[in-house]
Amino acid sequence: MAKSTSELHVAIVKIFKDVMDVEDIEITNETTADDVEEWDSLSHVRLIVAVEKKYAIKFSDAEIESLRKFGDLVTAVARKTNA
C-alpha cells in the first residue's frame, strides 16, 4: 500500500527515533549524521535494516552510500514503495 511522502516521513522518523534511542529531537529532510550525536555508522546500518524490514524493500550498497540526509532516505523509500 503506497503512502504519501509526508506519511512516510512521519513513519520513518518513528523508526529513526527508535533505532537511535532518542525522543526529543526534531528530524527534517535536511538532517544529517552530523546533526545527531547518536547517528554513527553502526546506527546507520541498523536504521537501514529497520527500514528495509518495515517496508519489505532492499537497498543496494550504492543506494545506502548515497543516503546523506534524512530526506534522501524518505525519497528512496518512496521510490521503492511507489509512494
PDB file of N, CA and C in Angstrom:
ATOM      1  N   MET A   1       0.841  -1.182   0.000  1.00  0.00           N
ATOM      2  CA  MET A   1       0.000   0.000   0.000  1.00  0.00           C
ATOM      3  C   MET A   1       0.883   1.242   0.000  1.00  0.00           C
ATOM      4  N   ALA A   2       0.715   2.066  -0.985  1.00  0.00           N
ATOM      5  CA  ALA A   2       1.516   3.275  -1.105  1.00  0.00           C
ATOM      6  C   ALA A   2       1.054   4.320  -0.100  1.00  0.00           C
ATOM      7  N   LYS A   3       2.012   5.042   0.426  1.00  0.00           N
ATOM      8  CA  LYS A   3       1.722   6.130   1.345  1.00  0.00           C
ATOM      9  C   LYS A   3       2.242   7.416   0.740  1.00  0.00           C
ATOM     10  N   SER A   4       1.720   8.520   1.221  1.00  0.00           N
ATOM     11  CA  SER A   4       2.247   9.802   0.768  1.00  0.00           C
ATOM     12  C   SER A   4       3.643   9.996   1.361  1.00  0.00           C
ATOM     13  N   THR A   5       4.398  10.883   0.760  1.00  0.00           N
ATOM     14  CA  THR A   5       5.743  11.154   1.255  1.00  0.00           C
ATOM     15  C   THR A   5       5.687  11.679   2.683  1.00  0.00           C
ATOM     16  N   SER A   6       4.694  12.500   3.007  1.00  0.00           N
ATOM     17  CA  SER A   6       4.603  13.030   4.375  1.00  0.00           C
ATOM     18  C   SER A   6       4.288  11.917   5.374  1.00  0.00           C
ATOM     19  N   GLU A   7       3.464  10.954   4.988  1.00  0.00           N
ATOM     20  CA  GLU A   7       3.193   9.810   5.865  1.00  0.00           C
ATOM     21  C   GLU A   7       4.446   8.956   6.039  1.00  0.00           C
ATOM     22  N   LEU A   8       5.186   8.778   4.954  1.00  0.00           N
ATOM     23  CA  LEU A   8       6.452   8.042   5.044  1.00  0.00           C
ATOM     24  C   LEU A   8       7.415   8.761   5.961  1.00  0.00           C
ATOM     25  N   HIS A   9       7.500  10.079   5.819  1.00  0.00           N
ATOM     26  CA  HIS A   9       8.404  10.867   6.661  1.00  0.00           C
ATOM     27  C   HIS A   9       8.096  10.619   8.136  1.00  0.00           C
ATOM     28  N   VAL A  10       6.830  10.716   8.507  1.00  0.00           N
ATOM     29  CA  VAL A  10       6.422  10.514   9.898  1.00  0.00           C
ATOM     30  C   VAL A  10       6.771   9.098  10.359  1.00  0.00           C
ATOM     31  N   ALA A  11       6.477   8.106   9.542  1.00  0.00           N
ATOM     32  CA  ALA A  11       6.745   6.710   9.903  1.00  0.00           C
ATOM     33  C   ALA A  11       8.242   6.443  10.036  1.00  0.00           C
ATOM     34  N   ILE A  12       9.040   7.014   9.147  1.00  0.00           N
ATOM     35  CA  ILE A  12      10.486   6.780   9.188  1.00  0.00           C
ATOM     36  C   ILE A  12      11.122   7.565  10.334  1.00  0.00           C
ATOM     37  N   VAL A  13      10.572   8.714  10.685  1.00  0.00           N
ATOM     38  CA  VAL A  13      11.053   9.437  11.875  1.00  0.00           C
ATOM     39  C   VAL A  13      10.867   8.562  13.107  1.00  0.00           C
ATOM     40  N   LYS A  14       9.734   7.883  13.199  1.00  0.00           N
ATOM     41  CA  LYS A  14       9.484   6.987  14.335  1.00  0.00           C
ATOM     42  C   LYS A  14      10.527   5.873  14.367  1.00  0.00           C
ATOM     43  N   ILE A  15      10.794   5.263  13.236  1.00  0.00           N
ATOM     44  CA  ILE A  15      11.828   4.219  13.157  1.00  0.00           C
ATOM     45  C   ILE A  15      13.174   4.803  13.565  1.00  0.00           C
ATOM     46  N   PHE A  16      13.490   5.986  13.037  1.00  0.00           N
ATOM     47  CA  PHE A  16      14.762   6.655  13.336  1.00  0.00           C
ATOM     48  C   PHE A  16      14.916   6.853  14.843  1.00  0.00           C
ATOM     49  N   LYS A  17      13.873   7.390  15.474  1.00  0.00           N
ATOM     50  CA  LYS A  17      13.947   7.657  16.914  1.00  0.00           C
ATOM     51  C   LYS A  17      14.096   6.365  17.709  1.00  0.00           C
ATOM     52  N   ASP A  18      13.432   5.302  17.278  1.00  0.00           N
ATOM     53  CA  ASP A  18      13.565   4.003  17.945  1.00  0.00           C
ATOM     54  C   ASP A  18      14.983   3.462  17.805  1.00  0.00           C
ATOM     55  N   VAL A  19      15.516   3.491  16.592  1.00  0.00           N
ATOM     56  CA  VAL A  19      16.858   2.954  16.337  1.00  0.00           C
ATOM     57  C   VAL A  19      17.929   3.766  17.069  1.00  0.00           C
ATOM     58  N   MET A  20      17.795   5.079  17.026  1.00  0.00           N
ATOM     59  CA  MET A  20      18.798   5.957  17.651  1.00  0.00           C
ATOM     60  C   MET A  20      18.579   6.105  19.161  1.00  0.00           C
ATOM     61  N   ASP A  21      17.421   5.628  19.639  1.00  0.00           N
ATOM     62  CA  ASP A  21      17.053   5.736  21.044  1.00  0.00           C
ATOM     63  C   ASP A  21      17.061   7.195  21.505  1.00  0.00           C
ATOM     64  N   VAL A  22      16.416   8.039  20.700  1.00  0.00           N
ATOM     65  CA  VAL A  22      16.253   9.455  21.034  1.00  0.00           C
ATOM     66  C   VAL A  22      14.772   9.803  20.893  1.00  0.00           C
ATOM     67  N   GLU A  23      14.312  10.717  21.705  1.00  0.00           N
ATOM     68  CA  GLU A  23      12.921  11.147  21.621  1.00  0.00           C
ATOM     69  C   GLU A  23      12.824  12.636  21.321  1.00  0.00           C
ATOM     70  N   ASP A  24      13.563  13.428  22.078  1.00  0.00           N
ATOM     71  CA  ASP A  24      13.442  14.885  21.993  1.00  0.00           C
ATOM     72  C   ASP A  24      14.355  15.457  20.922  1.00  0.00           C
ATOM     73  N   ILE A  25      14.008  15.158  19.681  1.00  0.00           N
ATOM     74  CA  ILE A  25      14.801  15.649  18.558  1.00  0.00           C
ATOM     75  C   ILE A  25      13.866  15.908  17.390  1.00  0.00           C
ATOM     76  N   GLU A  26      14.119  16.984  16.687  1.00  0.00           N
ATOM     77  CA  GLU A  26      13.328  17.284  15.504  1.00  0.00           C
ATOM     78  C   GLU A  26      14.113  16.828  14.282  1.00  0.00           C
ATOM     79  N   ILE A  27      13.488  15.987  13.485  1.00  0.00           N
ATOM     80  CA  ILE A  27      14.125  15.448  12.294  1.00  0.00           C
ATOM     81  C   ILE A  27      13.470  16.081  11.074  1.00  0.00           C
ATOM     82  N   THR A  28      14.297  16.698  10.236  1.00  0.00           N
ATOM     83  CA  THR A  28      13.801  17.273   8.992  1.00  0.00           C
ATOM     84  C   THR A  28      14.449  16.532   7.823  1.00  0.00           C
ATOM     85  N   ASN A  29      14.027  16.851   6.624  1.00  0.00           N
ATOM     86  CA  ASN A  29      14.642  16.239   5.441  1.00  0.00           C
ATOM     87  C   ASN A  29      16.107  16.617   5.311  1.00  0.00           C
ATOM     88  N   GLU A  30      16.518  17.714   5.933  1.00  0.00           N
ATOM     89  CA  GLU A  30      17.894  18.180   5.834  1.00  0.00           C
ATOM     90  C   GLU A  30      18.799  17.627   6.939  1.00  0.00           C
ATOM     91  N   THR A  31      18.247  16.884   7.889  1.00  0.00           N
ATOM     92  CA  THR A  31      19.031  16.339   8.999  1.00  0.00           C
ATOM     93  C   THR A  31      20.069  15.347   8.473  1.00  0.00           C
ATOM     94  N   THR A  32      21.304  15.494   8.959  1.00  0.00           N
ATOM     95  CA  THR A  32      22.392  14.589   8.586  1.00  0.00           C
ATOM     96  C   THR A  32      22.979  13.951   9.842  1.00  0.00           C
ATOM     97  N   ALA A  33      23.874  13.019   9.654  1.00  0.00           N
ATOM     98  CA  ALA A  33      24.538  12.367  10.784  1.00  0.00           C
ATOM     99  C   ALA A  33      25.315  13.380  11.623  1.00  0.00           C
ATOM    100  N   ASP A  34      25.772  14.456  11.016  1.00  0.00           N
ATOM    101  CA  ASP A  34      26.484  15.490  11.765  1.00  0.00           C
ATOM    102  C   ASP A  34      25.577  16.198  12.764  1.00  0.00           C
ATOM    103  N   ASP A  35      24.274  16.139  12.541  1.00  0.00           N
ATOM    104  CA  ASP A  35      23.309  16.818  13.403  1.00  0.00           C
ATOM    105  C   ASP A  35      22.847  15.968  14.584  1.00  0.00           C
ATOM    106  N   VAL A  36      23.096  14.673  14.527  1.00  0.00           N
ATOM    107  CA  VAL A  36      22.583  13.748  15.548  1.00  0.00           C
ATOM    108  C   VAL A  36      23.751  12.947  16.109  1.00  0.00           C
ATOM    109  N   GLU A  37      24.068  13.193  17.370  1.00  0.00           N
ATOM    110  CA  GLU A  37      25.216  12.539  18.001  1.00  0.00           C
ATOM    111  C   GLU A  37      25.149  11.019  17.914  1.00  0.00           C
ATOM    112  N   GLU A  38      23.949  10.466  18.052  1.00  0.00           N
ATOM    113  CA  GLU A  38      23.778   9.009  18.060  1.00  0.00           C
ATOM    114  C   GLU A  38      23.863   8.377  16.671  1.00  0.00           C
ATOM    115  N   TRP A  39      23.875   9.181  15.620  1.00  0.00           N
ATOM    116  CA  TRP A  39      23.856   8.671  14.254  1.00  0.00           C
ATOM    117  C   TRP A  39      25.272   8.397  13.769  1.00  0.00           C
ATOM    118  N   ASP A  40      25.780   7.214  14.112  1.00  0.00           N
ATOM    119  CA  ASP A  40      27.104   6.806  13.664  1.00  0.00           C
ATOM    120  C   ASP A  40      26.957   5.699  12.621  1.00  0.00           C
ATOM    121  N   SER A  41      28.060   5.127  12.201  1.00  0.00           N
ATOM    122  CA  SER A  41      27.989   4.141  11.114  1.00  0.00           C
ATOM    123  C   SER A  41      27.196   2.900  11.516  1.00  0.00           C
ATOM    124  N   LEU A  42      27.324   2.451  12.751  1.00  0.00           N
ATOM    125  CA  LEU A  42      26.581   1.271  13.192  1.00  0.00           C
ATOM    126  C   LEU A  42      25.084   1.565  13.261  1.00  0.00           C
ATOM    127  N   SER A  43      24.715   2.703  13.827  1.00  0.00           N
ATOM    128  CA  SER A  43      23.290   3.026  13.911  1.00  0.00           C
ATOM    129  C   SER A  43      22.711   3.292  12.525  1.00  0.00           C
ATOM    130  N   HIS A  44      23.548   3.767  11.601  1.00  0.00           N
ATOM    131  CA  HIS A  44      23.089   3.969  10.223  1.00  0.00           C
ATOM    132  C   HIS A  44      22.694   2.619   9.600  1.00  0.00           C
ATOM    133  N   VAL A  45      23.525   1.622   9.811  1.00  0.00           N
ATOM    134  CA  VAL A  45      23.226   0.278   9.299  1.00  0.00           C
ATOM    135  C   VAL A  45      21.953  -0.256   9.958  1.00  0.00           C
ATOM    136  N   ARG A  46      21.822  -0.070  11.267  1.00  0.00           N
ATOM    137  CA  ARG A  46      20.623  -0.523  11.970  1.00  0.00           C
ATOM    138  C   ARG A  46      19.381   0.189  11.442  1.00  0.00           C
ATOM    139  N   LEU A  47      19.511   1.469  11.135  1.00  0.00           N
ATOM    140  CA  LEU A  47      18.392   2.234  10.585  1.00  0.00           C
ATOM    141  C   LEU A  47      17.982   1.679   9.226  1.00  0.00           C
ATOM    142  N   ILE A  48      18.947   1.443   8.367  1.00  0.00           N
ATOM    143  CA  ILE A  48      18.665   0.912   7.030  1.00  0.00           C
ATOM    144  C   ILE A  48      17.980  -0.445   7.139  1.00  0.00           C
ATOM    145  N   VAL A  49      18.504  -1.316   7.995  1.00  0.00           N
ATOM    146  CA  VAL A  49      17.924  -2.650   8.170  1.00  0.00           C
ATOM    147  C   VAL A  49      16.485  -2.544   8.682  1.00  0.00           C
ATOM    148  N   ALA A  50      16.237  -1.659   9.640  1.00  0.00           N
ATOM    149  CA  ALA A  50      14.890  -1.494  10.188  1.00  0.00           C
ATOM    150  C   ALA A  50      13.917  -0.982   9.121  1.00  0.00           C
ATOM    151  N   VAL A  51      14.366  -0.047   8.302  1.00  0.00           N
ATOM    152  CA  VAL A  51      13.512   0.491   7.238  1.00  0.00           C
ATOM    153  C   VAL A  51      13.256  -0.574   6.179  1.00  0.00           C
ATOM    154  N   GLU A  52      14.297  -1.313   5.806  1.00  0.00           N
ATOM    155  CA  GLU A  52      14.124  -2.388   4.818  1.00  0.00           C
ATOM    156  C   GLU A  52      13.120  -3.422   5.320  1.00  0.00           C
ATOM    157  N   LYS A  53      13.225  -3.774   6.590  1.00  0.00           N
ATOM    158  CA  LYS A  53      12.316  -4.767   7.167  1.00  0.00           C
ATOM    159  C   LYS A  53      10.887  -4.237   7.199  1.00  0.00           C
ATOM    160  N   LYS A  54      10.707  -3.007   7.646  1.00  0.00           N
ATOM    161  CA  LYS A  54       9.378  -2.412   7.763  1.00  0.00           C
ATOM    162  C   LYS A  54       8.667  -2.353   6.412  1.00  0.00           C
ATOM    163  N   TYR A  55       9.395  -1.978   5.360  1.00  0.00           N
ATOM    164  CA  TYR A  55       8.778  -1.772   4.049  1.00  0.00           C
ATOM    165  C   TYR A  55       9.024  -2.911   3.066  1.00  0.00           C
ATOM    166  N   ALA A  56       9.660  -3.991   3.530  1.00  0.00           N
ATOM    167  CA  ALA A  56       9.936  -5.161   2.685  1.00  0.00           C
ATOM    168  C   ALA A  56      10.626  -4.747   1.387  1.00  0.00           C
ATOM    169  N   ILE A  57      11.680  -3.950   1.555  1.00  0.00           N
ATOM    170  CA  ILE A  57      12.480  -3.483   0.418  1.00  0.00           C
ATOM    171  C   ILE A  57      13.940  -3.798   0.698  1.00  0.00           C
ATOM    172  N   LYS A  58      14.776  -3.614  -0.304  1.00  0.00           N
ATOM    173  CA  LYS A  58      16.211  -3.835  -0.147  1.00  0.00           C
ATOM    174  C   LYS A  58      16.956  -2.729  -0.886  1.00  0.00           C
ATOM    175  N   PHE A  59      17.922  -2.127  -0.205  1.00  0.00           N
ATOM    176  CA  PHE A  59      18.762  -1.098  -0.819  1.00  0.00           C
ATOM    177  C   PHE A  59      20.075  -1.717  -1.272  1.00  0.00           C
ATOM    178  N   SER A  60      20.580  -1.275  -2.400  1.00  0.00           N
ATOM    179  CA  SER A  60      21.913  -1.695  -2.845  1.00  0.00           C
ATOM    180  C   SER A  60      22.956  -0.928  -2.030  1.00  0.00           C
ATOM    181  N   ASP A  61      24.190  -1.417  -2.066  1.00  0.00           N
ATOM    182  CA  ASP A  61      25.262  -0.711  -1.369  1.00  0.00           C
ATOM    183  C   ASP A  61      25.403   0.720  -1.888  1.00  0.00           C
ATOM    184  N   ALA A  62      25.281   0.890  -3.191  1.00  0.00           N
ATOM    185  CA  ALA A  62      25.399   2.233  -3.778  1.00  0.00           C
ATOM    186  C   ALA A  62      24.283   3.146  -3.281  1.00  0.00           C
ATOM    187  N   GLU A  63      23.080   2.608  -3.171  1.00  0.00           N
ATOM    188  CA  GLU A  63      21.961   3.411  -2.654  1.00  0.00           C
ATOM    189  C   GLU A  63      22.216   3.819  -1.205  1.00  0.00           C
ATOM    190  N   ILE A  64      22.692   2.879  -0.403  1.00  0.00           N
ATOM    191  CA  ILE A  64      22.962   3.175   1.003  1.00  0.00           C
ATOM    192  C   ILE A  64      24.024   4.263   1.117  1.00  0.00           C
ATOM    193  N   GLU A  65      25.070   4.165   0.317  1.00  0.00           N
ATOM    194  CA  GLU A  65      26.150   5.160   0.352  1.00  0.00           C
ATOM    195  C   GLU A  65      25.672   6.535  -0.097  1.00  0.00           C
ATOM    196  N   SER A  66      24.615   6.590  -0.898  1.00  0.00           N
ATOM    197  CA  SER A  66      24.131   7.875  -1.402  1.00  0.00           C
ATOM    198  C   SER A  66      23.192   8.570  -0.414  1.00  0.00           C
ATOM    199  N   LEU A  67      22.822   7.894   0.660  1.00  0.00           N
ATOM    200  CA  LEU A  67      21.897   8.467   1.638  1.00  0.00           C
ATOM    201  C   LEU A  67      22.652   9.377   2.596  1.00  0.00           C
ATOM    202  N   ARG A  68      22.689  10.647   2.275  1.00  0.00           N
ATOM    203  CA  ARG A  68      23.440  11.619   3.083  1.00  0.00           C
ATOM    204  C   ARG A  68      22.569  12.359   4.086  1.00  0.00           C
ATOM    205  N   LYS A  69      21.312  12.591   3.717  1.00  0.00           N
ATOM    206  CA  LYS A  69      20.381  13.331   4.566  1.00  0.00           C
ATOM    207  C   LYS A  69      19.167  12.452   4.846  1.00  0.00           C
ATOM    208  N   PHE A  70      18.450  12.779   5.902  1.00  0.00           N
ATOM    209  CA  PHE A  70      17.246  12.019   6.235  1.00  0.00           C
ATOM    210  C   PHE A  70      16.266  12.021   5.070  1.00  0.00           C
ATOM    211  N   GLY A  71      16.137  13.147   4.409  1.00  0.00           N
ATOM    212  CA  GLY A  71      15.222  13.257   3.272  1.00  0.00           C
ATOM    213  C   GLY A  71      15.590  12.313   2.139  1.00  0.00           C
ATOM    214  N   ASP A  72      16.890  12.037   1.982  1.00  0.00           N
ATOM    215  CA  ASP A  72      17.322  11.077   0.957  1.00  0.00           C
ATOM    216  C   ASP A  72      16.737   9.693   1.241  1.00  0.00           C
ATOM    217  N   LEU A  73      16.699   9.339   2.509  1.00  0.00           N
ATOM    218  CA  LEU A  73      16.147   8.034   2.899  1.00  0.00           C
ATOM    219  C   LEU A  73      14.638   7.999   2.607  1.00  0.00           C
ATOM    220  N   VAL A  74      13.942   9.046   2.975  1.00  0.00           N
ATOM    221  CA  VAL A  74      12.494   9.093   2.719  1.00  0.00           C
ATOM    222  C   VAL A  74      12.215   8.993   1.218  1.00  0.00           C
ATOM    223  N   THR A  75      12.984   9.735   0.429  1.00  0.00           N
ATOM    224  CA  THR A  75      12.812   9.703  -1.029  1.00  0.00           C
ATOM    225  C   THR A  75      13.090   8.307  -1.593  1.00  0.00           C
ATOM    226  N   ALA A  76      14.131   7.663  -1.077  1.00  0.00           N
ATOM    227  CA  ALA A  76      14.483   6.322  -1.551  1.00  0.00           C
ATOM    228  C   ALA A  76      13.385   5.315  -1.212  1.00  0.00           C
ATOM    229  N   VAL A  77      12.827   5.407  -0.013  1.00  0.00           N
ATOM    230  CA  VAL A  77      11.743   4.512   0.375  1.00  0.00           C
ATOM    231  C   VAL A  77      10.516   4.787  -0.489  1.00  0.00           C
ATOM    232  N   ALA A  78      10.209   6.053  -0.714  1.00  0.00           N
ATOM    233  CA  ALA A  78       9.058   6.414  -1.541  1.00  0.00           C
ATOM    234  C   ALA A  78       9.211   5.843  -2.948  1.00  0.00           C
ATOM    235  N   ARG A  79      10.414   5.927  -3.488  1.00  0.00           N
ATOM    236  CA  ARG A  79      10.671   5.406  -4.836  1.00  0.00           C
ATOM    237  C   ARG A  79      10.485   3.885  -4.871  1.00  0.00           C
ATOM    238  N   LYS A  80      10.973   3.202  -3.861  1.00  0.00           N
ATOM    239  CA  LYS A  80      10.895   1.746  -3.845  1.00  0.00           C
ATOM    240  C   LYS A  80       9.504   1.221  -3.501  1.00  0.00           C
ATOM    241  N   THR A  81       8.698   2.031  -2.836  1.00  0.00           N
ATOM    242  CA  THR A  81       7.347   1.590  -2.457  1.00  0.00           C
ATOM    243  C   THR A  81       6.281   2.245  -3.331  1.00  0.00           C
ATOM    244  N   ASN A  82       6.732   2.983  -4.358  1.00  0.00           N
ATOM    245  CA  ASN A  82       5.825   3.686  -5.263  1.00  0.00           C
ATOM    246  C   ASN A  82       4.860   4.632  -4.562  1.00  0.00           C
ATOM    247  N   ALA A  83       5.385   5.287  -3.507  1.00  0.00           N
ATOM    248  CA  ALA A  83       4.547   6.257  -2.764  1.00  0.00           C
ATOM    249  C   ALA A  83       4.439   7.556  -3.530  1.00  0.00           C
TER     250      ALA A  83
END
